[in-house]
N, C-alpha and C. Protein backbone atom coordinates (compact mmCIF):
# COMPACT_ATOMS: atom_id res chain seq x y z
N MET A 1 14.93 -3.14 20.89
CA MET A 1 14.84 -3.13 19.46
C MET A 1 16.16 -2.65 18.89
N SER A 2 16.63 -3.31 17.88
CA SER A 2 17.91 -2.96 17.25
C SER A 2 17.81 -1.64 16.51
N SER A 3 18.86 -0.84 16.62
CA SER A 3 18.85 0.46 15.93
C SER A 3 19.71 0.42 14.67
N LYS A 4 20.01 -0.76 14.18
CA LYS A 4 20.82 -0.90 12.98
C LYS A 4 20.00 -0.51 11.74
N VAL A 5 20.56 0.36 10.91
CA VAL A 5 19.89 0.80 9.70
C VAL A 5 20.09 -0.27 8.63
N ARG A 6 18.99 -0.78 8.11
CA ARG A 6 19.07 -1.81 7.09
C ARG A 6 18.99 -1.22 5.70
N ARG A 7 18.14 -0.21 5.55
CA ARG A 7 18.07 0.52 4.30
C ARG A 7 17.37 1.85 4.57
N GLU A 8 17.62 2.79 3.70
CA GLU A 8 17.03 4.11 3.85
C GLU A 8 16.14 4.39 2.65
N GLU A 9 14.92 4.86 2.92
CA GLU A 9 13.97 5.14 1.85
C GLU A 9 13.00 6.21 2.33
N ASP A 10 12.68 7.15 1.47
CA ASP A 10 11.67 8.15 1.80
C ASP A 10 10.30 7.49 1.71
N ILE A 11 9.49 7.67 2.75
CA ILE A 11 8.16 7.08 2.77
C ILE A 11 7.14 8.10 3.26
N THR A 12 5.88 7.82 3.00
CA THR A 12 4.80 8.68 3.45
C THR A 12 4.52 8.44 4.93
N THR A 13 3.79 9.35 5.52
CA THR A 13 3.38 9.21 6.92
C THR A 13 2.52 7.95 7.07
N ALA A 14 1.68 7.68 6.08
CA ALA A 14 0.83 6.49 6.12
C ALA A 14 1.66 5.21 6.15
N GLU A 15 2.73 5.19 5.37
CA GLU A 15 3.61 4.02 5.36
C GLU A 15 4.35 3.89 6.69
N ALA A 16 4.78 5.01 7.23
CA ALA A 16 5.45 4.99 8.53
C ALA A 16 4.51 4.47 9.61
N LYS A 17 3.27 4.90 9.54
CA LYS A 17 2.27 4.45 10.51
C LYS A 17 2.14 2.93 10.49
N GLU A 18 2.03 2.35 9.30
CA GLU A 18 1.89 0.89 9.19
C GLU A 18 3.12 0.17 9.75
N ILE A 19 4.29 0.67 9.44
CA ILE A 19 5.52 0.05 9.94
C ILE A 19 5.57 0.13 11.46
N LEU A 20 5.27 1.32 11.99
CA LEU A 20 5.33 1.52 13.44
C LEU A 20 4.28 0.68 14.17
N LEU A 21 3.08 0.56 13.59
CA LEU A 21 2.05 -0.27 14.22
C LEU A 21 2.50 -1.73 14.30
N LYS A 22 3.11 -2.24 13.23
CA LYS A 22 3.61 -3.62 13.25
C LYS A 22 4.72 -3.79 14.29
N LEU A 23 5.63 -2.83 14.34
CA LEU A 23 6.73 -2.91 15.31
C LEU A 23 6.22 -2.80 16.74
N SER A 24 5.17 -2.00 16.95
CA SER A 24 4.66 -1.81 18.31
C SER A 24 4.02 -3.08 18.85
N GLU A 25 3.63 -3.99 17.96
CA GLU A 25 3.09 -5.28 18.39
C GLU A 25 4.20 -6.19 18.91
N LYS A 26 5.41 -6.01 18.41
CA LYS A 26 6.54 -6.87 18.78
C LYS A 26 7.38 -6.31 19.91
N TYR A 27 7.50 -4.98 19.94
CA TYR A 27 8.45 -4.34 20.85
C TYR A 27 7.76 -3.32 21.73
N GLU A 28 8.34 -3.10 22.88
CA GLU A 28 7.89 -2.02 23.75
C GLU A 28 8.57 -0.74 23.29
N PHE A 29 7.77 0.26 22.95
CA PHE A 29 8.31 1.52 22.47
C PHE A 29 8.69 2.42 23.62
N ASP A 30 9.76 3.19 23.40
CA ASP A 30 10.10 4.22 24.39
C ASP A 30 9.22 5.44 24.13
N GLN A 31 9.38 6.46 24.92
CA GLN A 31 8.53 7.64 24.84
C GLN A 31 8.58 8.31 23.46
N PHE A 32 9.77 8.44 22.91
CA PHE A 32 9.93 9.07 21.60
C PHE A 32 9.22 8.25 20.52
N GLN A 33 9.41 6.95 20.54
CA GLN A 33 8.78 6.09 19.54
C GLN A 33 7.26 6.14 19.64
N ARG A 34 6.74 6.19 20.86
CA ARG A 34 5.29 6.31 21.04
C ARG A 34 4.76 7.63 20.48
N ARG A 35 5.52 8.70 20.67
CA ARG A 35 5.11 10.00 20.12
C ARG A 35 5.11 9.99 18.60
N VAL A 36 6.10 9.37 18.02
CA VAL A 36 6.17 9.29 16.56
C VAL A 36 4.99 8.47 16.03
N LEU A 37 4.68 7.36 16.68
CA LEU A 37 3.53 6.55 16.29
C LEU A 37 2.24 7.34 16.43
N ASP A 38 2.09 8.05 17.54
CA ASP A 38 0.90 8.87 17.76
C ASP A 38 0.74 9.91 16.66
N TYR A 39 1.84 10.56 16.31
CA TYR A 39 1.82 11.55 15.23
C TYR A 39 1.38 10.89 13.92
N ALA A 40 1.97 9.77 13.59
CA ALA A 40 1.65 9.09 12.33
C ALA A 40 0.18 8.68 12.28
N VAL A 41 -0.35 8.20 13.39
CA VAL A 41 -1.76 7.81 13.44
C VAL A 41 -2.66 9.03 13.24
N LYS A 42 -2.34 10.12 13.91
CA LYS A 42 -3.17 11.32 13.84
C LYS A 42 -3.11 12.02 12.48
N PHE A 43 -1.95 12.01 11.85
CA PHE A 43 -1.77 12.86 10.68
C PHE A 43 -1.67 12.15 9.34
N SER A 44 -1.72 10.84 9.32
CA SER A 44 -1.72 10.19 8.01
C SER A 44 -3.09 10.41 7.38
N LYS A 45 -3.09 10.84 6.14
CA LYS A 45 -4.31 11.26 5.46
C LYS A 45 -4.95 10.15 4.63
N LEU A 46 -4.18 9.13 4.29
CA LEU A 46 -4.66 8.06 3.43
C LEU A 46 -4.16 6.72 3.95
N PRO A 47 -4.82 5.63 3.54
CA PRO A 47 -4.25 4.31 3.82
C PRO A 47 -2.92 4.15 3.07
N ARG A 48 -2.06 3.29 3.57
CA ARG A 48 -0.72 3.09 3.01
C ARG A 48 -0.74 2.82 1.51
N GLU A 49 -1.62 1.91 1.06
CA GLU A 49 -1.65 1.53 -0.35
C GLU A 49 -2.01 2.72 -1.23
N LYS A 50 -3.01 3.48 -0.81
CA LYS A 50 -3.43 4.64 -1.60
C LYS A 50 -2.35 5.72 -1.60
N ALA A 51 -1.69 5.90 -0.47
CA ALA A 51 -0.63 6.91 -0.38
C ALA A 51 0.51 6.56 -1.34
N ARG A 52 0.94 5.32 -1.34
CA ARG A 52 2.02 4.88 -2.23
C ARG A 52 1.62 5.02 -3.69
N GLU A 53 0.38 4.62 -4.00
CA GLU A 53 -0.13 4.73 -5.37
C GLU A 53 -0.17 6.19 -5.83
N LEU A 54 -0.61 7.08 -4.95
CA LEU A 54 -0.69 8.49 -5.29
C LEU A 54 0.69 9.10 -5.49
N VAL A 55 1.64 8.75 -4.65
CA VAL A 55 3.02 9.23 -4.84
C VAL A 55 3.53 8.79 -6.21
N ASP A 56 3.35 7.53 -6.54
CA ASP A 56 3.80 7.03 -7.84
C ASP A 56 3.13 7.76 -8.99
N LYS A 57 1.83 8.05 -8.84
CA LYS A 57 1.10 8.76 -9.89
C LYS A 57 1.64 10.17 -10.07
N LEU A 58 1.90 10.87 -8.96
CA LEU A 58 2.45 12.22 -9.05
C LEU A 58 3.82 12.23 -9.72
N VAL A 59 4.62 11.23 -9.40
CA VAL A 59 5.97 11.13 -9.98
C VAL A 59 5.88 10.78 -11.47
N ASP A 60 5.08 9.79 -11.81
CA ASP A 60 5.01 9.30 -13.18
C ASP A 60 4.25 10.23 -14.13
N GLU A 61 3.08 10.69 -13.70
CA GLU A 61 2.23 11.47 -14.60
C GLU A 61 2.56 12.96 -14.63
N PHE A 62 3.04 13.49 -13.50
CA PHE A 62 3.27 14.93 -13.42
C PHE A 62 4.74 15.30 -13.26
N GLU A 63 5.60 14.28 -13.25
CA GLU A 63 7.05 14.48 -13.13
C GLU A 63 7.41 15.29 -11.88
N VAL A 64 6.69 15.03 -10.81
CA VAL A 64 6.98 15.66 -9.52
C VAL A 64 8.13 14.88 -8.88
N ASP A 65 9.06 15.58 -8.29
CA ASP A 65 10.16 14.95 -7.57
C ASP A 65 9.57 14.05 -6.49
N ARG A 66 10.15 12.87 -6.28
CA ARG A 66 9.60 11.90 -5.32
C ARG A 66 9.45 12.50 -3.92
N LYS A 67 10.45 13.24 -3.45
CA LYS A 67 10.36 13.83 -2.11
C LYS A 67 9.22 14.85 -2.04
N GLU A 68 9.06 15.65 -3.10
CA GLU A 68 7.96 16.60 -3.15
C GLU A 68 6.62 15.85 -3.16
N ALA A 69 6.54 14.78 -3.94
CA ALA A 69 5.31 14.00 -4.03
C ALA A 69 4.92 13.42 -2.67
N ILE A 70 5.91 12.95 -1.93
CA ILE A 70 5.64 12.39 -0.60
C ILE A 70 5.09 13.48 0.32
N GLN A 71 5.69 14.65 0.27
CA GLN A 71 5.21 15.74 1.13
C GLN A 71 3.80 16.19 0.72
N ILE A 72 3.54 16.21 -0.57
CA ILE A 72 2.20 16.56 -1.04
C ILE A 72 1.18 15.56 -0.52
N VAL A 73 1.49 14.28 -0.62
CA VAL A 73 0.58 13.23 -0.14
C VAL A 73 0.43 13.31 1.37
N ASN A 74 1.49 13.61 2.08
CA ASN A 74 1.40 13.73 3.54
C ASN A 74 0.45 14.86 3.95
N CYS A 75 0.44 15.94 3.18
CA CYS A 75 -0.36 17.12 3.55
C CYS A 75 -1.70 17.21 2.82
N MET A 76 -1.79 16.61 1.65
CA MET A 76 -3.00 16.65 0.83
C MET A 76 -3.58 18.06 0.72
N PRO A 77 -2.83 18.99 0.13
CA PRO A 77 -3.31 20.37 0.01
C PRO A 77 -4.63 20.43 -0.76
N GLU A 78 -5.43 21.44 -0.43
CA GLU A 78 -6.76 21.56 -1.02
C GLU A 78 -6.92 22.76 -1.95
N SER A 79 -5.88 23.54 -2.12
CA SER A 79 -5.96 24.71 -3.01
C SER A 79 -4.67 24.84 -3.80
N ILE A 80 -4.76 25.60 -4.87
CA ILE A 80 -3.57 25.85 -5.68
C ILE A 80 -2.51 26.56 -4.87
N GLU A 81 -2.94 27.51 -4.03
CA GLU A 81 -1.98 28.26 -3.20
C GLU A 81 -1.23 27.32 -2.26
N GLU A 82 -1.96 26.41 -1.63
CA GLU A 82 -1.31 25.44 -0.73
C GLU A 82 -0.37 24.54 -1.52
N LEU A 83 -0.82 24.07 -2.66
CA LEU A 83 -0.01 23.17 -3.48
C LEU A 83 1.25 23.86 -3.99
N ARG A 84 1.12 25.11 -4.36
CA ARG A 84 2.26 25.85 -4.90
C ARG A 84 3.43 25.91 -3.91
N THR A 85 3.15 25.90 -2.61
CA THR A 85 4.22 25.99 -1.61
C THR A 85 5.18 24.80 -1.67
N PHE A 86 4.72 23.69 -2.18
CA PHE A 86 5.58 22.50 -2.26
C PHE A 86 6.62 22.62 -3.37
N PHE A 87 6.40 23.54 -4.28
CA PHE A 87 7.31 23.73 -5.39
C PHE A 87 8.18 24.97 -5.23
N ALA A 88 7.93 25.76 -4.22
CA ALA A 88 8.70 26.99 -4.01
C ALA A 88 10.14 26.65 -3.67
N GLY A 89 11.06 27.25 -4.38
CA GLY A 89 12.47 27.06 -4.08
C GLY A 89 13.07 25.79 -4.64
N GLY A 90 12.27 24.95 -5.27
CA GLY A 90 12.79 23.71 -5.85
C GLY A 90 13.37 23.95 -7.23
N ARG A 91 13.57 22.89 -7.94
CA ARG A 91 14.14 23.01 -9.29
C ARG A 91 13.17 23.69 -10.24
N ARG A 92 11.88 23.62 -9.93
CA ARG A 92 10.86 24.30 -10.73
C ARG A 92 10.40 25.53 -9.95
N ARG A 93 10.80 26.68 -10.34
CA ARG A 93 10.40 27.90 -9.64
C ARG A 93 8.98 28.32 -10.03
N ILE A 94 8.66 28.22 -11.32
CA ILE A 94 7.34 28.62 -11.79
C ILE A 94 6.63 27.37 -12.29
N VAL A 95 5.55 27.02 -11.62
CA VAL A 95 4.77 25.85 -12.00
C VAL A 95 3.47 26.36 -12.61
N PRO A 96 3.16 25.94 -13.83
CA PRO A 96 1.94 26.42 -14.48
C PRO A 96 0.69 26.08 -13.65
N THR A 97 -0.23 27.03 -13.60
CA THR A 97 -1.47 26.85 -12.83
C THR A 97 -2.25 25.64 -13.35
N GLU A 98 -2.22 25.41 -14.63
CA GLU A 98 -2.93 24.26 -15.21
C GLU A 98 -2.41 22.94 -14.64
N LEU A 99 -1.10 22.84 -14.49
CA LEU A 99 -0.50 21.65 -13.90
C LEU A 99 -0.97 21.48 -12.45
N LEU A 100 -0.97 22.57 -11.70
CA LEU A 100 -1.42 22.50 -10.31
C LEU A 100 -2.89 22.10 -10.22
N GLU A 101 -3.71 22.61 -11.12
CA GLU A 101 -5.13 22.24 -11.15
C GLU A 101 -5.29 20.75 -11.42
N ASN A 102 -4.49 20.24 -12.35
CA ASN A 102 -4.55 18.80 -12.67
C ASN A 102 -4.11 17.96 -11.48
N ILE A 103 -3.07 18.38 -10.79
CA ILE A 103 -2.61 17.65 -9.60
C ILE A 103 -3.71 17.68 -8.54
N LEU A 104 -4.34 18.83 -8.34
CA LEU A 104 -5.43 18.93 -7.34
C LEU A 104 -6.57 18.00 -7.69
N ARG A 105 -6.90 17.87 -8.96
CA ARG A 105 -7.97 16.94 -9.37
C ARG A 105 -7.63 15.51 -8.96
N VAL A 106 -6.38 15.13 -9.16
CA VAL A 106 -5.95 13.78 -8.78
C VAL A 106 -6.00 13.63 -7.26
N LEU A 107 -5.53 14.63 -6.54
CA LEU A 107 -5.59 14.57 -5.06
C LEU A 107 -7.03 14.42 -4.61
N ASP A 108 -7.96 15.14 -5.24
CA ASP A 108 -9.38 15.05 -4.87
C ASP A 108 -9.93 13.64 -5.08
N GLU A 109 -9.44 12.95 -6.09
CA GLU A 109 -9.88 11.58 -6.33
C GLU A 109 -9.48 10.63 -5.19
N TYR A 110 -8.40 10.96 -4.50
CA TYR A 110 -7.88 10.10 -3.44
C TYR A 110 -8.34 10.50 -2.04
N ARG A 111 -8.91 11.69 -1.91
CA ARG A 111 -9.33 12.15 -0.58
C ARG A 111 -10.38 11.25 0.03
N GLU A 112 -10.30 11.12 1.35
CA GLU A 112 -11.30 10.30 2.07
C GLU A 112 -12.28 11.18 2.77
């Protein structure tokens, strides 16, 4: 498999899983690639479409940084305390509890 980088983009674990599954049908993976695929299968919390939609919603409706939104979707925190850790040290030091509650409500809508 070619290791040439065609483009770089931040993606969710769910999106990585879909890409890796498609590639694994075409190519024989080495040990590292198999481990990455195994991780993506085990830890992706949502289907690819829902994960992408949720990232976009967090970015558009709550003005969450895209990288933060991806990490939130990858982990799907279940409490305000867990969610608050994604904003620690970022450009927003103090995030209003009301905003975090609203984000949690949206995450709950997407949980499986």
